[in-house]
Protein backbone atom coordinates (compact mmCIF):
# COMPACT_ATOMS: atom_id res chain seq x y z
CA MET A 1 -220.19 102.23 -79.89
CA ASN A 2 -219.99 99.60 -77.14
CA GLU A 3 -216.60 98.02 -76.48
CA TYR A 4 -217.07 94.29 -76.22
CA GLY A 5 -214.56 91.57 -75.41
CA PRO A 6 -212.77 89.98 -72.46
CA ARG A 7 -211.14 91.98 -69.69
CA PRO A 8 -208.72 90.97 -66.94
CA VAL A 9 -210.37 89.60 -63.81
CA ASP A 10 -210.82 92.33 -61.19
CA ARG A 11 -209.05 90.75 -58.22
CA ARG A 12 -209.41 91.95 -54.64
CA LEU A 13 -205.97 91.27 -53.21
CA PRO A 14 -204.93 91.90 -49.61
CA THR A 15 -201.60 93.74 -50.16
CA GLU A 16 -199.67 95.80 -52.68
CA GLU A 17 -197.13 92.96 -52.79
CA ALA A 18 -199.88 90.58 -53.88
CA ARG A 19 -200.99 92.97 -56.60
CA ASP A 20 -197.43 93.19 -57.90
CA LEU A 21 -197.23 89.39 -57.84
CA LEU A 22 -200.36 89.05 -59.98
CA THR A 23 -198.97 91.57 -62.43
CA LEU A 24 -195.79 89.47 -62.69
CA VAL A 25 -197.82 86.30 -63.22
CA ARG A 26 -199.98 87.84 -65.95
CA ASP A 27 -196.89 89.12 -67.77
CA LEU A 28 -195.22 85.71 -67.55
CA VAL A 29 -198.38 83.99 -68.79
CA GLU A 30 -198.69 86.22 -71.85
CA ARG A 31 -195.00 85.92 -72.77
CA GLU A 32 -194.17 82.32 -71.94
CA ILE A 33 -197.28 80.15 -71.61
CA ARG A 34 -200.31 81.25 -73.61
CA PRO A 35 -198.72 81.65 -77.07
CA THR A 36 -197.83 77.95 -77.43
CA ALA A 37 -200.29 76.32 -75.01
CA ALA A 38 -202.80 74.86 -77.47
CA GLU A 39 -200.19 73.57 -79.91
CA GLN A 40 -198.09 71.96 -77.18
CA GLU A 41 -201.12 70.33 -75.56
CA GLU A 42 -202.13 68.89 -78.91
CA ALA A 43 -198.65 67.42 -79.24
CA GLY A 44 -198.71 66.09 -75.65
CA ARG A 45 -195.56 68.00 -74.74
CA PHE A 46 -194.71 68.34 -71.06
CA PRO A 47 -193.48 71.92 -70.42
CA ARG A 48 -190.59 71.24 -68.08
CA GLU A 49 -188.92 74.52 -69.04
CA ILE A 50 -192.01 76.40 -67.85
CA PHE A 51 -191.82 74.78 -64.41
CA THR A 52 -188.12 75.67 -64.24
CA LEU A 53 -189.04 79.27 -65.04
CA LEU A 54 -191.80 79.26 -62.42
CA SER A 55 -189.35 77.94 -59.84
CA GLU A 56 -186.84 80.68 -60.66
CA ALA A 57 -189.63 83.24 -60.33
CA GLY A 58 -190.61 81.89 -56.90
CA LEU A 59 -194.01 80.66 -58.07
CA LEU A 60 -193.59 77.02 -56.98
CA SER A 61 -193.28 77.95 -53.33
CA LEU A 62 -195.88 80.65 -52.71
CA PRO A 63 -197.83 79.24 -49.71
CA TYR A 64 -194.77 78.09 -47.74
CA GLY A 65 -192.65 80.02 -45.25
CA GLU A 66 -189.64 82.13 -46.18
CA GLU A 67 -187.29 80.23 -43.86
CA PHE A 68 -186.62 77.54 -46.44
CA GLY A 69 -187.29 79.49 -49.63
CA GLY A 70 -191.07 79.84 -49.65
CA GLY A 71 -193.03 82.88 -50.76
CA GLU A 72 -194.91 83.38 -47.46
CA GLN A 73 -198.10 84.20 -49.37
CA PRO A 74 -201.58 83.49 -47.99
CA TYR A 75 -203.64 80.83 -49.71
CA GLU A 76 -206.01 83.56 -50.87
CA VAL A 77 -203.21 84.92 -53.08
CA TYR A 78 -201.67 81.59 -54.08
CA LEU A 79 -204.99 80.26 -55.40
CA GLN A 80 -205.53 83.32 -57.57
CA VAL A 81 -202.09 82.77 -59.07
CA LEU A 82 -203.12 79.18 -59.81
CA GLU A 83 -206.27 80.42 -61.51
CA GLU A 84 -204.28 82.73 -63.79
CA LEU A 85 -201.89 79.91 -64.72
CA ALA A 86 -204.67 77.39 -65.35
CA ALA A 87 -206.59 79.85 -67.52
CA ALA A 88 -203.60 79.97 -69.86
CA ARG A 89 -202.73 76.26 -69.69
CA LEU A 90 -204.26 73.80 -67.28
CA THR A 91 -201.22 71.52 -67.41
CA VAL A 92 -199.22 74.32 -65.78
CA GLY A 93 -201.79 75.36 -63.17
CA LEU A 94 -202.51 71.78 -62.19
CA GLY A 95 -198.80 71.00 -62.09
CA VAL A 96 -198.14 73.81 -59.63
CA SER A 97 -201.02 72.58 -57.46
CA VAL A 98 -199.68 69.00 -57.45
CA HIS A 99 -196.15 70.18 -56.66
CA THR A 100 -197.49 72.21 -53.73
CA LEU A 101 -199.32 69.12 -52.47
CA ALA A 102 -196.15 67.03 -52.80
CA CYS A 103 -194.18 69.51 -50.66
CA HIS A 104 -196.77 69.58 -47.87
CA ALA A 105 -195.63 66.51 -45.92
CA THR A 106 -192.01 67.64 -45.66
CA ALA A 107 -192.92 71.27 -44.92
CA GLU A 108 -195.50 70.48 -42.23
CA PHE A 109 -194.35 67.16 -40.74
CA GLY A 110 -190.66 66.92 -41.54
CA THR A 111 -188.03 67.35 -38.85
CA LYS A 112 -186.00 70.54 -38.76
CA GLU A 113 -183.11 68.67 -40.37
CA GLN A 114 -185.33 67.25 -43.13
CA ARG A 115 -186.79 70.67 -43.91
CA ALA A 116 -183.35 72.28 -44.00
CA THR A 117 -182.01 69.50 -46.24
CA HIS A 118 -184.83 69.11 -48.73
CA LEU A 119 -187.11 72.16 -48.82
CA PRO A 120 -184.76 74.74 -50.39
CA ALA A 121 -184.40 72.59 -53.53
CA MET A 122 -188.06 71.55 -53.50
CA LEU A 123 -189.34 75.10 -53.18
CA GLY A 124 -186.87 77.09 -55.21
CA GLY A 125 -184.23 74.81 -56.66
CA GLY A 126 -185.98 73.81 -59.85
CA LEU A 127 -187.26 70.45 -58.59
CA LEU A 128 -190.75 69.18 -59.40
CA GLY A 129 -192.75 66.88 -57.14
CA ALA A 130 -195.57 64.34 -57.30
CA TYR A 131 -197.93 62.82 -54.75
CA CYS A 132 -198.34 59.04 -54.58
CA LEU A 133 -201.37 57.82 -52.66
CA SER A 134 -203.74 55.97 -55.02
CA GLU A 135 -203.20 52.45 -56.29
CA PRO A 136 -204.91 50.32 -58.94
CA SER A 137 -207.13 48.70 -56.31
CA SER A 138 -207.38 51.57 -53.82
CA GLY A 139 -208.60 54.90 -55.10
CA SER A 140 -211.31 56.31 -52.87
CA ASP A 141 -210.58 53.53 -50.35
CA ALA A 142 -206.99 54.71 -50.04
CA ALA A 143 -206.49 53.29 -46.54
CA SER A 144 -206.52 49.81 -48.11
CA LEU A 145 -203.34 50.56 -50.07
CA THR A 146 -200.94 47.64 -50.40
CA THR A 147 -197.61 49.20 -51.42
CA ARG A 148 -195.39 47.96 -48.60
CA ALA A 149 -192.29 49.35 -46.94
CA VAL A 150 -190.19 46.89 -44.91
CA ARG A 151 -187.51 48.15 -42.57
CA ASP A 152 -184.01 46.70 -42.43
CA GLY A 153 -181.95 48.73 -39.99
CA ASP A 154 -181.83 52.31 -41.20
CA VAL A 155 -183.22 51.51 -44.65
CA TRP A 156 -186.75 50.82 -45.91
CA THR A 157 -187.48 48.71 -48.98
CA LEU A 158 -190.60 49.69 -50.95
CA ASP A 159 -192.52 47.33 -53.22
CA GLY A 160 -195.83 47.97 -54.98
CA THR A 161 -197.60 50.05 -57.61
CA LYS A 162 -199.09 53.54 -57.48
CA ALA A 163 -201.66 54.67 -60.03
CA TRP A 164 -202.90 57.87 -61.68
CA ILE A 165 -199.85 59.83 -60.60
CA THR A 166 -199.64 63.32 -62.05
CA HIS A 167 -196.01 63.96 -63.08
CA GLY A 168 -195.39 60.22 -62.92
CA GLY A 169 -192.06 59.55 -64.61
CA VAL A 170 -190.98 63.21 -64.82
CA ALA A 171 -190.95 64.28 -61.16
CA ASP A 172 -187.73 64.78 -59.23
CA PHE A 173 -189.25 63.54 -55.97
CA TYR A 174 -192.33 61.66 -54.84
CA THR A 175 -194.20 61.85 -51.56
CA VAL A 176 -195.18 58.20 -51.19
CA LEU A 177 -197.64 56.58 -48.77
CA ALA A 178 -196.76 52.95 -48.03
CA ARG A 179 -197.88 50.28 -45.59
CA THR A 180 -195.47 49.65 -42.74
CA GLY A 181 -197.89 47.98 -40.33
CA ASP A 182 -201.24 46.25 -40.11
CA LYS A 183 -204.27 46.87 -42.31
CA GLY A 184 -206.11 50.14 -42.00
CA PRO A 185 -205.12 53.80 -41.77
CA ARG A 186 -202.82 53.42 -38.76
CA GLY A 187 -200.44 51.14 -40.64
CA ILE A 188 -199.39 53.70 -43.25
CA THR A 189 -196.19 55.79 -43.30
CA ALA A 190 -195.01 58.64 -45.54
CA PHE A 191 -191.67 58.68 -47.40
CA LEU A 192 -189.83 61.17 -49.57
CA VAL A 193 -188.52 59.16 -52.52
CA PRO A 194 -186.04 60.55 -55.09
CA GLY A 195 -187.25 60.38 -58.67
CA ASP A 196 -184.09 58.58 -59.77
CA ALA A 197 -184.14 55.90 -57.06
CA ASP A 198 -183.02 52.43 -58.18
CA GLY A 199 -186.00 50.14 -58.73
CA LEU A 200 -188.45 53.00 -59.38
CA THR A 201 -189.94 52.93 -62.88
CA ALA A 202 -192.87 54.62 -64.57
CA ALA A 203 -195.29 52.97 -66.99
CA ALA A 204 -196.24 54.66 -70.24
CA PRO A 205 -198.42 57.72 -69.59
CA GLU A 206 -202.17 57.20 -69.67
CA ARG A 207 -203.94 58.24 -72.86
CA LYS A 208 -206.30 61.07 -71.94
CA MET A 209 -208.84 63.23 -73.74
CA GLY A 210 -207.37 66.42 -72.29
CA MET A 211 -204.32 67.67 -70.40
CA LYS A 212 -202.18 65.63 -72.76
CA GLY A 213 -199.13 67.64 -71.76
CA SER A 214 -199.52 66.58 -68.12
CA PRO A 215 -198.24 62.99 -67.76
CA THR A 216 -200.39 60.69 -65.63
CA ALA A 217 -198.81 57.29 -65.09
CA GLN A 218 -198.43 54.26 -62.88
CA LEU A 219 -195.28 54.03 -60.78
CA HIS A 220 -193.71 50.67 -59.95
CA PHE A 221 -191.61 50.23 -56.82
CA ASP A 222 -189.44 47.14 -57.10
CA GLY A 223 -187.14 46.92 -54.12
CA VAL A 224 -186.73 50.69 -53.88
CA ARG A 225 -184.43 51.41 -50.92
CA VAL A 226 -185.14 54.57 -48.96
CA PRO A 227 -183.09 55.70 -45.93
CA ASP A 228 -184.99 56.14 -42.70
CA ALA A 229 -183.86 59.78 -42.83
CA ARG A 230 -186.40 60.18 -45.66
CA ARG A 231 -189.31 58.86 -43.60
CA ILE A 232 -191.66 61.79 -42.98
CA GLY A 233 -193.38 61.85 -39.61
CA GLU A 234 -193.70 58.88 -37.28
CA GLU A 235 -194.36 55.32 -38.36
CA GLY A 236 -198.10 54.91 -38.80
CA GLN A 237 -198.69 58.65 -39.18
CA GLY A 238 -198.79 58.62 -42.97
CA PHE A 239 -202.53 58.50 -43.39
CA ALA A 240 -203.02 61.50 -41.14
CA ILE A 241 -200.34 63.34 -43.12
CA ALA A 242 -202.15 62.48 -46.36
CA LEU A 243 -205.47 63.73 -45.02
CA SER A 244 -203.98 66.98 -43.80
CA ALA A 245 -202.90 67.89 -47.33
CA LEU A 246 -206.08 67.09 -49.21
CA ASP A 247 -208.35 69.92 -48.10
CA SER A 248 -205.80 72.40 -49.41
CA GLY A 249 -205.36 70.27 -52.52
CA ARG A 250 -209.07 70.51 -53.24
CA LEU A 251 -208.83 74.27 -53.19
CA GLY A 252 -206.05 74.11 -55.75
CA ILE A 253 -208.28 72.05 -58.05
CA ALA A 254 -211.18 74.48 -57.51
CA ALA A 255 -208.99 77.43 -58.51
CA CYS A 256 -207.72 75.60 -61.60
CA ALA A 257 -211.29 74.76 -62.62
CA ILE A 258 -212.34 78.39 -62.37
CA GLY A 259 -209.31 79.31 -64.45
CA VAL A 260 -210.50 77.02 -67.24
CA ALA A 261 -214.04 78.37 -66.92
CA GLN A 262 -212.80 81.97 -67.06
CA ALA A 263 -210.78 81.18 -70.18
CA ALA A 264 -213.92 79.76 -71.81
CA LEU A 265 -215.86 82.90 -70.91
CA ASP A 266 -213.09 85.08 -72.34
CA GLU A 267 -213.19 83.11 -75.59
CA ALA A 268 -216.96 83.53 -75.74
CA LEU A 269 -216.68 87.26 -75.15
CA ALA A 270 -214.02 87.64 -77.84
CA TYR A 271 -216.07 85.65 -80.34
CA THR A 272 -219.37 87.45 -79.74
CA ALA A 273 -217.55 90.77 -80.08
CA SER A 274 -215.94 89.85 -83.40
CA ARG A 275 -218.67 87.90 -85.16
CA GLN A 276 -221.12 90.04 -87.12
CA GLN A 277 -224.69 89.11 -88.03
CA PHE A 278 -227.34 91.41 -89.46
CA GLY A 279 -224.87 94.26 -89.46
CA ARG A 280 -223.83 94.19 -85.81
CA PRO A 281 -221.86 92.07 -83.32
CA ILE A 282 -223.77 89.11 -82.00
CA ALA A 283 -222.89 90.42 -78.53
CA ASP A 284 -225.78 92.85 -79.10
CA PHE A 285 -228.29 89.98 -79.15
CA GLN A 286 -230.17 89.60 -75.92
CA GLY A 287 -230.39 85.80 -76.02
CA LEU A 288 -226.61 85.45 -76.16
CA ARG A 289 -226.22 88.02 -73.42
CA PHE A 290 -228.37 85.80 -71.19
CA MET A 291 -225.92 82.94 -71.76
CA ILE A 292 -222.91 85.10 -71.02
CA ALA A 293 -224.58 86.43 -67.88
CA ASP A 294 -225.17 82.87 -66.65
CA MET A 295 -221.56 81.90 -67.36
CA ALA A 296 -220.14 84.95 -65.60
CA THR A 297 -222.39 84.45 -62.58
CA GLN A 298 -221.41 80.79 -62.15
CA ILE A 299 -217.71 81.65 -62.44
CA GLU A 300 -217.85 84.49 -59.93
CA ALA A 301 -219.81 82.30 -57.51
CA GLY A 302 -217.16 79.58 -57.77
CA ARG A 303 -214.39 82.09 -57.27
CA SER A 304 -216.11 83.41 -54.16
CA LEU A 305 -216.44 79.89 -52.78
CA TYR A 306 -212.79 79.01 -53.11
CA LEU A 307 -211.66 82.40 -51.77
CA THR A 308 -213.95 82.08 -48.76
CA ALA A 309 -212.42 78.70 -47.94
CA ALA A 310 -208.91 80.08 -48.49
CA ARG A 311 -209.51 82.97 -46.10
CA LEU A 312 -210.74 80.55 -43.45
CA ARG A 313 -207.58 78.51 -43.94
CA ASP A 314 -205.40 81.60 -43.70
CA ALA A 315 -207.15 82.55 -40.45
CA GLY A 316 -206.44 79.12 -38.96
CA GLN A 317 -210.11 78.14 -38.91
CA PRO A 318 -211.68 74.84 -40.08
CA PHE A 319 -212.32 74.90 -43.82
CA SER A 320 -212.95 71.26 -44.81
CA LYS A 321 -216.62 71.77 -45.62
CA GLU A 322 -215.97 74.94 -47.59
CA ALA A 323 -213.12 73.29 -49.52
CA ALA A 324 -215.40 70.42 -50.55
CA MET A 325 -218.13 72.86 -51.58
CA ALA A 326 -215.64 74.86 -53.61
CA LYS A 327 -214.24 71.84 -55.43
CA LEU A 328 -217.69 70.43 -56.13
CA PHE A 329 -219.11 73.68 -57.47
CA CYS A 330 -216.04 74.91 -59.34
CA THR A 331 -215.41 71.68 -61.24
CA ASP A 332 -219.09 71.54 -62.18
CA THR A 333 -218.87 75.14 -63.36
CA ALA A 334 -215.92 74.32 -65.61
CA MET A 335 -217.98 71.51 -67.14
CA ARG A 336 -220.96 73.79 -67.68
CA VAL A 337 -219.28 76.70 -69.41
CA THR A 338 -216.82 74.89 -71.70
CA PRO A 339 -218.01 73.82 -75.16
CA ARG A 340 -218.14 70.05 -74.74
CA ARG A 341 -220.82 70.25 -72.05
CA SER A 342 -222.52 73.49 -73.04
CA ARG A 343 -225.13 72.37 -75.54
CA ARG A 344 -227.94 73.92 -73.54
CA ARG A 345 -225.94 76.90 -72.38
CA ALA A 346 -223.00 78.36 -74.28
CA GLN A 347 -222.64 76.21 -77.38
CA PRO A 348 -224.12 78.85 -79.72
CA LEU A 349 -221.36 81.20 -78.56
CA HIS A 350 -218.75 78.77 -79.85
CA ALA A 351 -220.50 76.75 -82.55
CA ARG A 352 -218.57 78.05 -85.57
CA ARG A 353 -215.19 77.94 -83.82
CA ARG A 354 -214.96 74.27 -82.93
CA THR A 355 -213.16 72.92 -86.01
CA ASP A 356 -209.67 74.44 -85.71
CA ARG A 357 -207.37 71.69 -84.36
CA HIS A 358 -205.16 74.15 -82.49
CA ASP A 359 -207.86 76.54 -81.39
CA GLN A 360 -207.79 77.51 -77.71
CA LEU A 361 -211.47 76.61 -77.52
CA ARG A 362 -210.82 73.01 -78.53
CA LEU A 363 -208.19 72.85 -75.80
CA LEU A 364 -210.68 74.09 -73.23
CA ALA A 365 -213.30 71.61 -74.38
CA GLN A 366 -210.99 68.69 -73.60
CA HIS A 367 -209.95 69.71 -70.09
CA PRO A 368 -212.78 69.85 -67.54
CA ALA A 369 -213.70 66.18 -67.28
CA GLY A 370 -210.37 65.51 -65.59
CA HIS A 371 -210.96 67.92 -62.74
CA GLY A 372 -213.56 66.10 -60.74
CA ASP A 373 -211.57 63.03 -59.71
CA ARG A 374 -208.38 64.85 -58.73
CA ASP A 375 -208.13 65.10 -54.97
CA GLY A 376 -211.20 62.90 -54.77
CA GLY A 377 -213.77 60.97 -56.76
CA ARG A 378 -216.43 63.57 -57.26
CA ARG A 379 -219.78 61.95 -56.49
CA LEU A 380 -218.64 59.32 -54.01
CA GLN A 381 -216.49 61.68 -51.99
CA GLN A 382 -217.87 65.16 -52.22
CA GLN A 383 -221.59 64.53 -52.03
CA ALA A 384 -221.40 61.88 -49.34
CA LEU A 385 -218.95 63.81 -47.18
CA LEU A 386 -220.46 67.20 -47.81
CA GLY A 387 -223.90 65.79 -47.03
CA GLU A 388 -222.60 64.55 -43.70
CA ALA A 389 -221.05 67.91 -42.89
CA VAL A 390 -224.15 69.90 -43.79
CA LEU A 391 -226.75 67.59 -42.31
CA PHE A 392 -224.96 66.81 -39.07
CA GLY A 393 -223.06 70.06 -38.55
CA GLN A 394 -219.69 68.34 -38.30
CA GLU A 395 -216.37 68.70 -40.05
CA LEU A 396 -215.85 66.47 -43.06
CA LEU A 397 -214.70 62.93 -42.45
CA LEU A 398 -211.54 63.65 -44.38
CA GLY A 399 -210.75 66.51 -42.06
CA HIS A 400 -210.13 64.08 -39.19
CA ARG A 401 -206.38 63.63 -39.20
CA ASP A 402 -206.51 60.33 -37.33
CA GLY A 403 -208.76 58.78 -39.97
CA ARG A 404 -211.69 58.07 -37.64
CA ALA A 405 -215.27 58.46 -38.79
CA ALA A 406 -217.38 61.47 -37.91
CA GLY A 407 -221.13 61.81 -37.55
CA PRO A 408 -223.80 59.69 -35.88
CA PRO A 409 -223.07 56.01 -35.30
CA GLN A 410 -225.85 54.93 -37.63
CA ARG A 411 -226.73 56.58 -40.91
CA VAL A 412 -228.01 55.54 -44.29
CA GLN A 413 -225.26 54.21 -46.59
CA PRO A 414 -222.36 55.17 -44.31
CA LEU A 415 -219.09 56.04 -45.99
CA PRO A 416 -216.15 53.96 -44.71
CA ALA A 417 -213.90 55.90 -42.38
CA ARG A 418 -210.90 55.05 -44.53
CA ALA A 419 -212.39 56.57 -47.69
CA VAL A 420 -210.11 59.34 -48.86
CA LEU A 421 -209.39 61.16 -52.01
CA ALA A 422 -207.20 59.99 -54.84
CA GLU A 423 -204.63 62.14 -56.57
């Protein structure tokens, strides 16, 4: 008799240490995350205790150096950890990705003193971060942001509003981009703002269809005073710092999307193995096998895309184009193979399982729509920028750290040089 059902993903990892790490992650997922994921998401409960546990286990610091408490793992390994976490609960996988993004500015552009002061707690001290770039009137056009920082001696005063901030109101620190100079990308500076700073308040979390356990909120800065010692990089360098983080951020979203897609496939495999019709499992029926084959192929293709980009990054080679391809394809794949968007594909695999309020499948159905706009509005950013990279053989516009446009001087419907991705 055939043995049907889901199996662990066969991962090709570069070292024995990485294989041990994935074993640890899978054990932690099965013990601490998966058993309560659907119920807690339904209740909109933010799992702070899980992030504390991940920090203690060294899983919030994987891609950063050991000097200040990082895991010194290549992105190829880190992204596969993200995929495993997101497959169990997207709120957790996405949260780790956002935290990693929030640490980037300090780790890569901070002074030696700033890194020594802040990174140990950020990477392994139980803190959780958030990334504040977008505003109510500047999402894709992030270089038009209006949150302003005014200097008075050794202190900056921040005023303005940030929007769509993952971990807004629950983070311990925020990497904030604010205007310190004239209009445009060269007038923006980065700051590391404590979550309990006076004058910093969070609005009520946005009401979302999925990822209810992951708070997304506006942040209001009303005379928030930040010492100059918490300015990251030079004045006017903030936009370049923001751009430098977003390619890697896209890969995190791609890995999370494939995690959700893999979870949907696993649910389909479990269901087709258990449901009997005409005296045998419906997994024996050729038509359903076609659907499963399509799902598995799309997922493996997405996984290959994000791993290819990660290996380029690890080798110190340009990976902007590949990161955009990975995010575009992987988020689409998550939409295709989960129940809410699978009417022409996988819906028959799930049709009789969509009524249980706390069913894992219902949880998966709610998640994918939120992927596409994280780290960039999907159609506006990815297709326009990717088209430029493919057609003109140049790195993506967002890969230019100084914010200048790439490509020929005249093209149809040019994308503004300041267009960059939202959180």
